[in-house]
Amino acid sequence: MRYGLPIVLLGLLAVCAAAAVDVVTATTDLASITRAVGGTRVTVASLALPDQDLHRVDPRPSFVAKLARAKMVVRVGMDLDAWMDSLIQASRNAKIRKGAAGYVDASTGITPLEVPTGKVDGAHGDIHIYGNPHYWLDPENGKVIARSIAAGLSRVDPAGAPTYQANCETFARRIDARMKDWQAQAAPLKGKQVVTYHTTWNYFLRRFGMTLANTVEPKPGIPPSAAHLNALIAAMTRERVTLVMTAGYYPTRFTDLLAREAKATVLTLPTSVGGAKGAEDYFGLFDVTITKLRDVK
């Protein structure tokens, strides 16, 4: 009889564990928002690491195993995480295939920047035909992402729909409240011209009133030539552009040259949750990024 209570408790724990919605996301940013919306009803795993170039994530057998167990998958979309296509297919999990209840494209509802017009081919570099896919770096888009995730969770776990909706609304209110703080903190940055390595921060720059002067890459994914770098140095010197934004996974030899020849400050910033100390969740990502930008002398 004395063993009955522990057995019952173990049984209840097993039921609760089985009831959790297993979600796999492409990125740590999507994982952070999924945890905020799903709360205790979900378990979440990100495939990409926070310091990876999301264009180039090497598929691993462990990814397939995670997707095979998943009840829902959340993707960046817009061709950024095309590497997930073969993984989802290899998982043989019909619940998370495109069009299934457990398939969430987080770009749904996003107004994209830089949608190409006319013919697009390899000569344009690694251009995305649906537009710039780095949309999560505008915190207002975080609310759109949260709504897509809440809808997906409600499809695969209808009993939790009220919880997901309530958590989504709470998340949106937190974004609104923090946006006032972020806008105030970023006010000195308005109008500031910057060079970025890639077009990673265009959504962020637009939201906070900064201006993209140029990119280190002449075209997306294409390393700069000597001629491009010389022209960039001349333009930066002429226009007095003194800040270069880059990420830790981009080569430093080109930005080091800009720092030396154009007397620029090179700032390495996190592009995903977990990419820097203090950026442990979606809100921390913007706290860290804005603070680092403001601290540049």
Protein backbone atom coordinates (compact mmCIF):
# COMPACT_ATOMS: atom_id res chain seq x y z
CA MET A 1 0.00 0.00 0.00
CA ARG A 2 2.86 2.33 0.85
CA TYR A 3 4.06 2.03 -2.76
CA GLY A 4 0.72 3.13 -4.21
CA LEU A 5 1.24 6.88 -3.94
CA PRO A 6 4.62 7.00 -5.71
CA ILE A 7 3.25 4.78 -8.49
CA VAL A 8 0.26 7.07 -8.95
CA LEU A 9 2.50 10.13 -9.00
CA LEU A 10 4.78 8.52 -11.53
CA GLY A 11 1.76 7.72 -13.65
CA LEU A 12 0.55 11.30 -13.51
CA LEU A 13 3.99 12.58 -14.45
CA ALA A 14 4.08 10.21 -17.41
CA VAL A 15 0.68 11.45 -18.60
CA CYS A 16 1.77 15.08 -18.28
CA ALA A 17 5.00 14.41 -20.17
CA ALA A 18 3.10 12.63 -22.92
CA ALA A 19 0.69 15.55 -23.19
CA ALA A 20 3.43 18.09 -23.88
CA VAL A 21 3.50 19.34 -27.45
CA ASP A 22 6.93 18.58 -28.90
CA VAL A 23 7.94 21.52 -31.14
CA VAL A 24 11.04 21.80 -33.31
CA THR A 25 12.03 25.24 -34.61
CA ALA A 26 14.56 26.25 -37.20
CA THR A 27 16.15 28.93 -35.00
CA THR A 28 16.62 29.96 -31.40
CA ASP A 29 14.54 33.09 -32.03
CA LEU A 30 11.54 31.02 -33.05
CA ALA A 31 12.19 28.71 -30.11
CA SER A 32 12.13 31.64 -27.69
CA ILE A 33 8.82 32.95 -29.03
CA THR A 34 7.36 29.42 -29.06
CA ARG A 35 8.23 28.99 -25.39
CA ALA A 36 6.59 32.33 -24.58
CA VAL A 37 3.38 31.34 -26.41
CA GLY A 38 3.33 27.66 -25.45
CA GLY A 39 4.32 27.98 -21.82
CA THR A 40 4.30 24.73 -19.88
CA ARG A 41 2.27 22.93 -22.55
CA VAL A 42 5.22 22.68 -24.94
CA THR A 43 8.76 21.39 -25.17
CA VAL A 44 10.89 23.20 -27.72
CA ALA A 45 14.17 22.42 -29.51
CA SER A 46 15.99 24.60 -32.06
CA LEU A 47 17.96 22.99 -34.87
CA ALA A 48 20.27 25.93 -35.64
CA LEU A 49 22.69 27.24 -33.05
CA PRO A 50 22.53 30.93 -32.08
CA ASP A 51 25.92 31.74 -33.62
CA GLN A 52 25.34 30.04 -36.98
CA ASP A 53 24.82 31.57 -40.39
CA LEU A 54 21.24 30.48 -40.96
CA HIS A 55 21.79 30.29 -44.70
CA ARG A 56 24.26 27.46 -44.17
CA VAL A 57 23.26 24.94 -41.54
CA ASP A 58 24.66 21.46 -42.07
CA PRO A 59 21.95 18.79 -41.68
CA ARG A 60 22.62 16.16 -39.00
CA PRO A 61 21.02 12.77 -38.31
CA SER A 62 20.00 14.07 -34.86
CA PHE A 63 17.88 16.74 -36.60
CA VAL A 64 15.92 14.04 -38.41
CA ALA A 65 15.33 12.20 -35.13
CA LYS A 66 13.98 15.36 -33.48
CA LEU A 67 11.68 16.09 -36.40
CA ALA A 68 10.41 12.50 -36.43
CA ARG A 69 9.15 12.96 -32.86
CA ALA A 70 7.78 16.48 -33.35
CA LYS A 71 4.13 17.39 -33.31
CA MET A 72 4.85 20.81 -34.80
CA VAL A 73 7.65 22.50 -36.71
CA VAL A 74 8.25 26.26 -36.98
CA ARG A 75 10.29 27.60 -39.89
CA VAL A 76 11.67 31.01 -40.81
CA GLY A 77 10.51 30.53 -44.40
CA MET A 78 11.32 32.85 -47.30
CA ASP A 79 13.99 30.35 -48.43
CA LEU A 80 16.33 31.15 -45.52
CA ASP A 81 16.04 27.69 -43.99
CA ALA A 82 15.67 25.70 -47.23
CA TRP A 83 18.01 23.18 -45.60
CA MET A 84 15.01 21.99 -43.58
CA ASP A 85 13.18 20.64 -46.62
CA SER A 86 15.22 17.45 -46.91
CA LEU A 87 15.20 16.99 -43.13
CA ILE A 88 11.40 17.13 -42.90
CA GLN A 89 11.11 14.70 -45.79
CA ALA A 90 13.65 12.34 -44.20
CA SER A 91 11.75 12.39 -40.89
CA ARG A 92 8.74 10.69 -42.56
CA ASN A 93 6.55 12.67 -40.17
CA ALA A 94 3.34 13.56 -41.99
CA LYS A 95 2.25 15.79 -39.10
CA ILE A 96 4.87 18.44 -39.91
CA ARG A 97 4.90 18.43 -43.70
CA LYS A 98 3.91 21.57 -45.55
CA GLY A 99 0.14 21.94 -45.43
CA ALA A 100 -0.25 19.75 -42.33
CA ALA A 101 -1.64 21.07 -39.05
CA GLY A 102 1.79 20.93 -37.46
CA TYR A 103 3.58 22.98 -40.12
CA VAL A 104 4.15 26.66 -39.31
CA ASP A 105 5.84 29.14 -41.62
CA ALA A 106 6.58 32.05 -39.30
CA SER A 107 6.88 34.49 -42.22
CA THR A 108 3.13 34.27 -42.84
CA GLY A 109 1.70 37.76 -42.40
CA ILE A 110 5.09 39.49 -42.55
CA THR A 111 5.44 42.44 -44.95
CA PRO A 112 8.79 41.63 -46.57
CA LEU A 113 11.49 44.08 -47.55
CA GLU A 114 13.48 43.91 -50.78
CA VAL A 115 11.33 41.55 -52.79
CA PRO A 116 13.21 41.27 -56.09
CA THR A 117 11.58 42.21 -59.36
CA GLY A 118 12.43 40.95 -62.81
CA LYS A 119 14.65 38.00 -63.56
CA VAL A 120 16.52 36.45 -60.62
CA ASP A 121 19.47 34.13 -61.19
CA GLY A 122 22.87 33.24 -59.78
CA ALA A 123 24.37 36.48 -61.02
CA HIS A 124 22.43 38.28 -58.29
CA GLY A 125 24.12 36.26 -55.54
CA ASP A 126 22.21 34.37 -52.86
CA ILE A 127 19.14 36.50 -53.33
CA HIS A 128 15.84 35.45 -51.77
CA ILE A 129 12.95 35.53 -54.20
CA TYR A 130 10.42 36.23 -51.43
CA GLY A 131 12.37 39.14 -50.00
CA ASN A 132 14.75 39.72 -47.12
CA PRO A 133 14.19 36.84 -44.65
CA HIS A 134 15.73 38.44 -41.54
CA TYR A 135 12.37 39.81 -40.45
CA TRP A 136 12.55 38.69 -36.79
CA LEU A 137 15.09 41.50 -36.16
CA ASP A 138 12.20 43.96 -36.12
CA PRO A 139 10.51 43.37 -32.74
CA GLU A 140 7.15 44.39 -34.17
CA ASN A 141 7.38 41.33 -36.40
CA GLY A 142 7.76 39.25 -33.25
CA LYS A 143 4.06 39.79 -32.63
CA VAL A 144 3.24 38.45 -36.11
CA ILE A 145 5.43 35.41 -35.49
CA ALA A 146 3.73 34.78 -32.15
CA ARG A 147 0.30 34.80 -33.78
CA SER A 148 1.38 32.21 -36.34
CA ILE A 149 2.81 30.02 -33.60
CA ALA A 150 -0.32 30.36 -31.45
CA ALA A 151 -2.47 29.34 -34.41
CA GLY A 152 -0.28 26.31 -35.08
CA LEU A 153 -0.29 25.19 -31.46
CA SER A 154 -4.07 25.58 -31.34
CA ARG A 155 -4.38 23.30 -34.37
CA VAL A 156 -2.29 20.51 -32.91
CA ASP A 157 -3.50 20.96 -29.33
CA PRO A 158 -7.06 22.38 -29.42
CA ALA A 159 -7.48 21.95 -25.67
CA GLY A 160 -4.69 24.45 -25.13
CA ALA A 161 -6.02 27.07 -27.54
CA PRO A 162 -7.24 29.48 -24.81
CA THR A 163 -3.83 29.31 -23.14
CA TYR A 164 -1.97 29.91 -26.38
CA GLN A 165 -4.16 32.87 -27.28
CA ALA A 166 -3.75 34.41 -23.83
CA ASN A 167 0.03 33.91 -23.89
CA CYS A 168 0.20 35.39 -27.38
CA GLU A 169 -1.64 38.49 -26.23
CA THR A 170 0.63 38.80 -23.20
CA PHE A 171 3.67 38.51 -25.47
CA ALA A 172 2.32 41.26 -27.74
CA ARG A 173 1.71 43.56 -24.77
CA ARG A 174 5.28 42.96 -23.60
CA ILE A 175 6.56 43.88 -27.05
CA ASP A 176 4.50 47.09 -27.00
CA ALA A 177 5.77 48.04 -23.55
CA ARG A 178 9.38 47.28 -24.36
CA MET A 179 9.16 49.00 -27.73
CA LYS A 180 8.65 52.32 -25.95
CA ASP A 181 11.86 51.71 -24.00
CA TRP A 182 13.78 50.52 -27.04
CA GLN A 183 12.69 53.50 -29.13
CA ALA A 184 13.76 55.87 -26.36
CA GLN A 185 17.11 54.14 -25.95
CA ALA A 186 17.69 54.09 -29.72
CA ALA A 187 16.69 57.74 -30.24
CA PRO A 188 20.36 58.90 -30.52
CA LEU A 189 20.84 56.37 -33.33
CA LYS A 190 18.20 57.88 -35.63
CA GLY A 191 19.63 58.97 -38.96
CA LYS A 192 22.95 57.21 -38.33
CA GLN A 193 24.47 55.70 -41.46
CA VAL A 194 25.99 52.25 -41.16
CA VAL A 195 27.64 49.62 -43.31
CA THR A 196 26.59 46.02 -42.66
CA TYR A 197 28.36 42.88 -43.77
CA HIS A 198 25.15 41.33 -45.11
CA THR A 199 21.61 42.71 -45.37
CA THR A 200 20.90 41.06 -42.01
CA TRP A 201 19.81 44.14 -40.08
CA ASN A 202 17.64 45.95 -42.63
CA TYR A 203 14.41 45.36 -40.69
CA PHE A 204 16.10 46.51 -37.48
CA LEU A 205 17.56 49.61 -39.15
CA ARG A 206 14.18 50.61 -40.57
CA ARG A 207 12.42 50.15 -37.25
CA PHE A 208 14.87 52.29 -35.33
CA GLY A 209 15.47 54.97 -37.96
CA MET A 210 19.01 54.07 -38.99
CA THR A 211 20.23 54.13 -42.60
CA LEU A 212 22.02 51.43 -44.57
CA ALA A 213 24.83 53.15 -46.47
CA ASN A 214 26.26 49.99 -48.06
CA THR A 215 27.16 46.36 -47.48
CA VAL A 216 30.52 44.64 -47.34
CA GLU A 217 29.13 42.01 -49.67
CA PRO A 218 28.60 43.47 -53.15
CA LYS A 219 25.73 40.98 -53.56
CA PRO A 220 24.19 38.66 -50.96
CA GLY A 221 26.54 35.80 -50.19
CA ILE A 222 29.28 37.07 -52.53
CA PRO A 223 32.65 37.98 -50.94
CA PRO A 224 33.86 41.51 -51.77
CA SER A 225 36.46 42.10 -54.44
CA ALA A 226 39.36 44.49 -53.98
CA ALA A 227 37.60 46.98 -56.27
CA HIS A 228 34.42 46.84 -54.18
CA LEU A 229 36.35 47.32 -50.94
CA ASN A 230 38.31 50.26 -52.35
CA ALA A 231 35.09 51.91 -53.52
CA LEU A 232 33.47 51.20 -50.16
CA ILE A 233 36.39 52.73 -48.24
CA ALA A 234 36.27 55.82 -50.43
CA ALA A 235 32.51 56.18 -49.95
CA MET A 236 32.71 55.67 -46.19
CA THR A 237 35.45 58.27 -45.91
CA ARG A 238 33.58 60.74 -48.09
CA GLU A 239 30.24 60.28 -46.32
CA ARG A 240 31.83 59.93 -42.86
CA VAL A 241 30.32 56.53 -42.21
CA THR A 242 32.17 55.17 -39.20
CA LEU A 243 30.20 52.10 -38.09
CA VAL A 244 30.25 48.59 -39.54
CA MET A 245 27.77 46.00 -38.22
CA THR A 246 28.74 42.35 -38.58
CA ALA A 247 28.08 38.93 -37.06
CA GLY A 248 30.51 36.48 -35.52
CA TYR A 249 30.23 33.98 -38.37
CA TYR A 250 31.41 36.41 -41.07
CA PRO A 251 35.12 36.64 -41.94
CA THR A 252 36.99 39.43 -40.17
CA ARG A 253 39.64 40.21 -42.78
CA PHE A 254 37.34 42.52 -44.75
CA THR A 255 35.93 44.37 -41.76
CA ASP A 256 39.43 44.71 -40.28
CA LEU A 257 40.43 46.46 -43.49
CA LEU A 258 37.50 48.85 -43.22
CA ALA A 259 38.39 49.58 -39.62
CA ARG A 260 41.95 50.40 -40.59
CA GLU A 261 41.44 52.27 -43.86
CA ALA A 262 38.10 53.99 -43.21
CA LYS A 263 38.76 54.56 -39.49
CA ALA A 264 35.53 52.70 -38.74
CA THR A 265 34.33 50.91 -35.63
CA VAL A 266 33.41 47.29 -36.31
CA LEU A 267 30.62 46.04 -34.06
CA THR A 268 29.90 42.32 -33.82
CA LEU A 269 26.24 41.82 -32.91
CA PRO A 270 24.08 38.79 -32.15
CA THR A 271 21.62 37.92 -34.88
CA SER A 272 19.73 35.31 -32.86
CA VAL A 273 18.67 34.62 -29.30
CA GLY A 274 21.60 33.19 -27.36
CA GLY A 275 24.17 34.80 -29.64
CA ALA A 276 25.57 37.05 -26.91
CA LYS A 277 25.55 37.35 -23.14
CA GLY A 278 22.27 38.91 -22.07
CA ALA A 279 20.42 37.83 -25.21
CA GLU A 280 18.90 34.77 -23.58
CA ASP A 281 15.41 35.44 -24.95
CA TYR A 282 13.76 37.47 -27.71
CA PHE A 283 13.58 40.60 -25.56
CA GLY A 284 17.19 40.29 -24.48
CA LEU A 285 18.26 40.15 -28.12
CA PHE A 286 17.11 43.74 -28.62
CA ASP A 287 18.34 44.88 -25.22
CA VAL A 288 21.85 43.75 -26.10
CA THR A 289 21.80 45.02 -29.70
CA ILE A 290 20.60 48.52 -28.85
CA THR A 291 22.95 48.83 -25.88
CA LYS A 292 25.95 47.79 -27.98
CA LEU A 293 25.02 50.30 -30.70
CA ARG A 294 24.54 53.11 -28.19
CA ASP A 295 27.88 52.37 -26.54
CA VAL A 296 29.82 52.92 -29.77
CA LYS A 297 31.88 56.10 -29.45
